Amino acid sequence: MKTQIITLTTTLVLSGLVGCGKPKADNIGVQSQIHADRTSNQFQVKKEVIKDAGIFIQALPGVTDGSKVSSEVRKGTMIIFPAGEELKDFEYEFPEAEWVPVISEGRLPYGKQLPRVLKKEDTSANKIKNLANILLSIGKLKDISFRLYAGVDMKGDVLKGQKNQVIASVGCYEIKEGENAGKCKIAPDETTEEKVTRTKRTCKKLSKHMDRFIELNEQQTALFAGTLQKCNMIEGGQAQVKAKIKKIKAITDAGESLAVGATTAYGDHIGRVHLPLIASESRNAPDGFDESVIKFNKDMTKVEELKLAINFGGGNEYPNYSIENGKILNVNLSETAKGSKYLEFTINGPVIVTAKLSITSEEISIVKDGPSPRFVNVRLKGETQNIFPNGDVRKGVMAIELSSK
């Protein structure tokens, strides 16, 4: 059953990896209409609940207000797969230090079935299948990790606000003069200045601040002790959040390293780039090059701007491919009868890329019921057809992510 799960996740990609047809590049048409039918604007969404370290994350129905979505691409990924006999005599061993936490001990229930070593004597077709399984599995883990990261990060913001409130509750009416000048009273009188509150403190500093108070009765002393205990509990939660974010980032970085290492290796074996790089918030382009942008209108029925800065292997350059400069063509935002949305377009670059990306959106929450911070995540993901200058056609995948403003 688990083997079937792996196979099903890659059926769409693998179905096109063996054939090597060569359509002409000049068959690419002109730019088409970019409006979707206004029958529905509900993006498809998969509800999901993740519980980790006491943090509750739920993917809620997706956002339909384009004004809440940042137009800057948060992260972009393109991978072109090999085909036919291109991996004949290719061998590759994924680094164990990165493989174990990402694949073997990651969140994928079938990770242990994936091969860490691609053997030279194995068939090209089998190596292509295994590579596709591995790379798509890493992509799935990245999606899961991002949801968890967003939830943990929001939890950190909530704890920070709670801690500031706790510390601010200990306001000081500072004594103006006399032997107790500079010390604090809990209530004002003729000897004190105006109330002073501070929030940017640690619990240790809060404890020292409490030592400045005089004339506390038993009830007030007990209240201070309870406040300090609450502060320490919040700081403990902040430490857990920090450790969790560090762990998530380490696993995500290791996963990306695995994907980049393998894709670069088989690209070198074949003799051409199979990992075009998209400039984004997580991969800054050098000075002089723009970031990537996808801008929807308010009701998300129209693409107002589409600009991708992509390095197709030309050194450190990220030229723009956009609707405006005519290097992104055939843009079509469509919607099915069931409300699923797709964005299709063609990039007229050194490699001609035709993409069909499904659009999903979600709001990630950290509490099951009641008010909570929300993180909006819009994901465009799907297959690509890539035509190389010599006419070779290869299948690939593309993923683009946007976030809330």
Foldseek 3Di string as FASTA:
>chain_A
DLVVVLCVVCVVALVFFADWFFDDPVVDDFFDDFFADPPDQFADDDWDWDADPNWTKIWDGFDQFLQFWFFFFAFKWWFFAHYHQLCAQPKDAFDPVLLCDQQVVAPDPCSVVQDRIDDNPDGPSVVSSSLSSLLVSLVVSLVVLVLVLVRLVQVLVVLLVVQLVLQQQQKFFAFCDDPLGRAGESDDDPRTDDIDGDRPDALVVSVVNVVSYPDDDPVRVVVSVVSSVVRVVSVVSNVVSVVSNVVSVSSNVSSVVSSVVVQVSSCVSSPAHRIKGWDGSVHHAPPPEDHFGWGAHGSRRGTPWGWTQIHRPPPRGGHIQIVVVRQKHHWYWYADPVGWIWTWIWGNDQKIKTDIWTKGKTWMFGDDDDDTDTKIKIKTKDKIWIAHPVRTITIIIMMTMIITD
